[in-house]
Every structure is written in C-alpha cells, then in structure tokens.
C-alpha cells in the first residue's frame, strides 16, 4: 500500500508523539475494546524494536519486535494491532514485521503468542502452533513459531 509510511526504530528513537500514539492505540484495542485489564507497559518495550505504519500522519498499524533472549530464546513479534480493519493493514503489517525481524536477527525463528481466534491468520505467514491453548487476560491464546 503506497499510502502507508512505515517506520522501524528502537525504543529510544521513538518521538514522544509516536510513543504516545502507540500507547493510545494499544490501550484502545487491547484494554478497552477487548475489555482486558492488564499492564500494557510491561518493560519489554524499552528493549524492543517498533514498527509503526502511518496513513495521512495517523498511526494505523503497529507491532513490536523483541530481540532473542529478551522474552524467549527466539525473536518474537507482539502487540500486533491495527486502528482500521478491512483494509488489509494487518497482513501488510505482519509481512513487514517478519521481514524486519529476519533482517535484524537473521537465522532466528520468530515466536508469537496469538489469540486463538487469529490462529489461521498467522498460519498464512508460516507460523505453526507449538502449545496447547491457554488463557491470558481472559482470552484463549496459543504460542506459535515459524
């Protein structure tokens, strides 16, 4: 999509405005929309890379890439979120996130913890389920790896 401007950066390279937009989007979706009360600011952001997608200067897509050995042995992708649904932003976001993770951490597998209802979406990118379903913040999840 030509209309999206993508930015990949380490935590300290985020502007205050970008960080604020990221936190608002994550809270709107993960806390308010999904009705999950949890501490989103988990300390991992400071050790991670962040992929932001802007359309007309508005944040519409985001994910974070966690380096290997920070959370898991593998690199991981998490906090995958889009502000607009039905425009294909999620697919492009994942493609860009996988590409960035492979570039940053070559020859390293990627892990993610997916909401179980999105399992087939992530399978389209070569991820396979590697755990039994488990509950996290009141939502069934599965661990996946590519």
Protein backbone atom coordinates (compact mmCIF):
# COMPACT_ATOMS: atom_id res chain seq x y z
CA UNK A 1 0.00 0.00 0.00
CA UNK A 2 1.52 3.21 -1.18
CA UNK A 3 -0.44 5.37 1.25
CA UNK A 4 1.26 3.91 4.34
CA UNK A 5 4.55 5.30 5.61
CA UNK A 6 6.45 2.68 7.63
CA UNK A 7 8.94 3.44 10.38
CA UNK A 8 11.08 0.85 12.16
CA UNK A 9 13.08 2.02 15.14
CA UNK A 10 14.44 1.08 18.55
CA UNK A 11 12.54 2.35 21.60
CA UNK A 12 14.84 5.33 22.23
CA UNK A 13 14.33 6.51 18.65
CA UNK A 14 10.57 6.92 19.05
CA UNK A 15 9.49 10.54 19.38
CA UNK A 16 7.31 11.38 22.37
CA UNK A 17 4.38 11.93 19.98
CA UNK A 18 4.91 8.50 18.37
CA UNK A 19 5.21 6.77 21.74
CA UNK A 20 2.01 8.44 22.89
CA UNK A 21 0.16 7.35 19.73
CA UNK A 22 1.42 3.77 20.15
CA UNK A 23 0.27 3.59 23.77
CA UNK A 24 -3.14 5.08 22.92
CA UNK A 25 -3.71 2.60 20.06
CA UNK A 26 -2.64 -0.38 22.16
CA UNK A 27 -4.86 0.69 25.06
CA UNK A 28 -7.86 1.41 22.79
CA UNK A 29 -7.71 -2.10 21.34
CA UNK A 30 -6.15 -4.36 23.98
CA UNK A 31 -7.63 -2.79 27.12
CA UNK A 32 -10.86 -1.01 26.12
CA UNK A 33 -12.12 -2.88 23.02
CA UNK A 34 -11.10 -6.33 24.26
CA UNK A 35 -12.08 -5.47 27.83
CA UNK A 36 -8.79 -6.73 29.32
CA UNK A 37 -7.40 -5.10 32.39
CA UNK A 38 -3.64 -5.63 32.27
CA UNK A 39 -0.44 -3.59 32.44
CA UNK A 40 0.40 -2.99 28.78
CA UNK A 41 3.62 -1.14 29.64
CA UNK A 42 5.44 -4.36 30.57
CA UNK A 43 9.06 -3.17 30.45
CA UNK A 44 9.76 -5.08 27.21
CA UNK A 45 9.16 -2.02 25.01
CA UNK A 46 12.44 -0.45 26.14
CA UNK A 47 14.37 -3.47 24.82
CA UNK A 48 12.46 -3.80 21.54
CA UNK A 49 12.18 -2.53 18.01
CA UNK A 50 8.91 -0.91 16.99
CA UNK A 51 7.25 -0.95 13.58
CA UNK A 52 4.76 1.86 13.02
CA UNK A 53 2.54 2.38 9.98
CA UNK A 54 1.12 5.83 9.32
CA UNK A 55 -1.63 6.79 6.89
CA UNK A 56 -2.01 10.54 6.45
CA UNK A 57 0.17 11.03 9.56
CA UNK A 58 -2.18 8.91 11.71
CA UNK A 59 -0.91 5.71 13.31
CA UNK A 60 -2.91 2.87 11.73
CA UNK A 61 -0.69 -0.18 12.33
CA UNK A 62 1.85 -1.21 14.94
CA UNK A 63 3.83 -4.17 16.26
CA UNK A 64 6.92 -4.69 18.34
CA UNK A 65 9.85 -6.97 17.62
CA UNK A 66 11.55 -8.36 20.71
CA UNK A 67 15.17 -9.49 20.27
CA UNK A 68 16.15 -13.09 21.06
CA UNK A 69 16.81 -13.88 24.72
CA UNK A 70 14.82 -10.88 25.98
CA UNK A 71 11.50 -12.69 26.34
CA UNK A 72 12.18 -16.03 24.64
CA UNK A 73 15.14 -17.84 23.06
CA UNK A 74 13.75 -16.80 19.68
CA UNK A 75 12.93 -13.31 18.49
CA UNK A 76 9.27 -12.51 18.97
CA UNK A 77 6.59 -10.36 17.44
CA UNK A 78 3.87 -8.99 19.65
CA UNK A 79 1.38 -6.22 20.34
CA UNK A 80 0.18 -6.59 16.73
CA UNK A 81 -2.57 -4.02 16.26
CA UNK A 82 -4.33 -2.01 13.57
CA UNK A 83 -6.57 1.02 14.00
CA UNK A 84 -8.57 0.28 10.84
CA UNK A 85 -9.95 -3.10 9.88
CA UNK A 86 -10.88 -4.41 6.47
CA UNK A 87 -8.19 -2.53 4.55
CA UNK A 88 -5.52 -5.25 4.66
CA UNK A 89 -3.28 -3.32 7.07
CA UNK A 90 -2.85 -6.37 9.32
CA UNK A 91 -1.49 -8.52 6.50
CA UNK A 92 0.95 -5.85 5.37
CA UNK A 93 1.97 -5.16 8.97
CA UNK A 94 2.82 -8.82 9.53
CA UNK A 95 4.73 -9.09 6.26
CA UNK A 96 6.78 -6.00 7.16
CA UNK A 97 7.28 -7.23 10.74
CA UNK A 98 8.53 -10.66 9.67
CA UNK A 99 10.82 -9.10 7.08
CA UNK A 100 12.23 -6.66 9.67
CA UNK A 101 12.74 -9.39 12.27
CA UNK A 102 14.59 -11.58 9.75
CA UNK A 103 16.76 -8.64 8.74
CA UNK A 104 17.53 -7.69 12.37
CA UNK A 105 18.01 -11.27 13.59
CA UNK A 106 18.97 -13.49 10.63
CA UNK A 107 18.70 -17.26 11.07
CA UNK A 108 16.50 -16.81 14.13
CA UNK A 109 13.00 -18.23 14.46
CA UNK A 110 10.13 -15.92 15.39
CA UNK A 111 7.69 -16.68 18.15
CA UNK A 112 4.35 -15.06 18.85
CA UNK A 113 1.52 -15.56 21.27
CA UNK A 114 -1.65 -15.37 19.21
CA UNK A 115 -5.23 -15.05 20.25
CA UNK A 116 -6.57 -18.47 19.32
CA UNK A 117 -9.25 -16.94 17.07
CA UNK A 118 -6.42 -15.48 14.91
CA UNK A 119 -4.51 -18.76 14.57
CA UNK A 120 -5.37 -19.19 10.86
CA UNK A 121 -4.32 -15.60 10.11
CA UNK A 122 -0.82 -16.29 11.47
CA UNK A 123 -0.64 -19.69 9.77
CA UNK A 124 -0.78 -17.80 6.45
CA UNK A 125 2.67 -16.41 7.34
CA UNK A 126 4.20 -19.80 8.06
CA UNK A 127 3.59 -19.93 11.81
CA UNK A 128 2.65 -23.20 13.48
CA UNK A 129 1.01 -23.77 16.84
CA UNK A 130 3.54 -25.01 19.43
CA UNK A 131 1.39 -25.04 22.58
CA UNK A 132 -1.95 -26.07 23.91
CA UNK A 133 -4.47 -23.22 24.20
CA UNK A 134 -4.03 -21.17 27.37
CA UNK A 135 -5.88 -18.24 28.88
CA UNK A 136 -4.21 -14.86 29.05
CA UNK A 137 -6.17 -11.85 30.29
CA UNK A 138 -9.44 -13.73 29.79
CA UNK A 139 -8.72 -14.60 26.13
CA UNK A 140 -7.63 -18.00 24.76
CA UNK A 141 -4.15 -17.85 23.19
CA UNK A 142 -1.69 -20.26 21.56
CA UNK A 143 2.06 -19.97 21.19
CA UNK A 144 3.19 -20.06 17.56
CA UNK A 145 6.57 -20.27 15.83
CA UNK A 146 7.73 -20.04 12.23
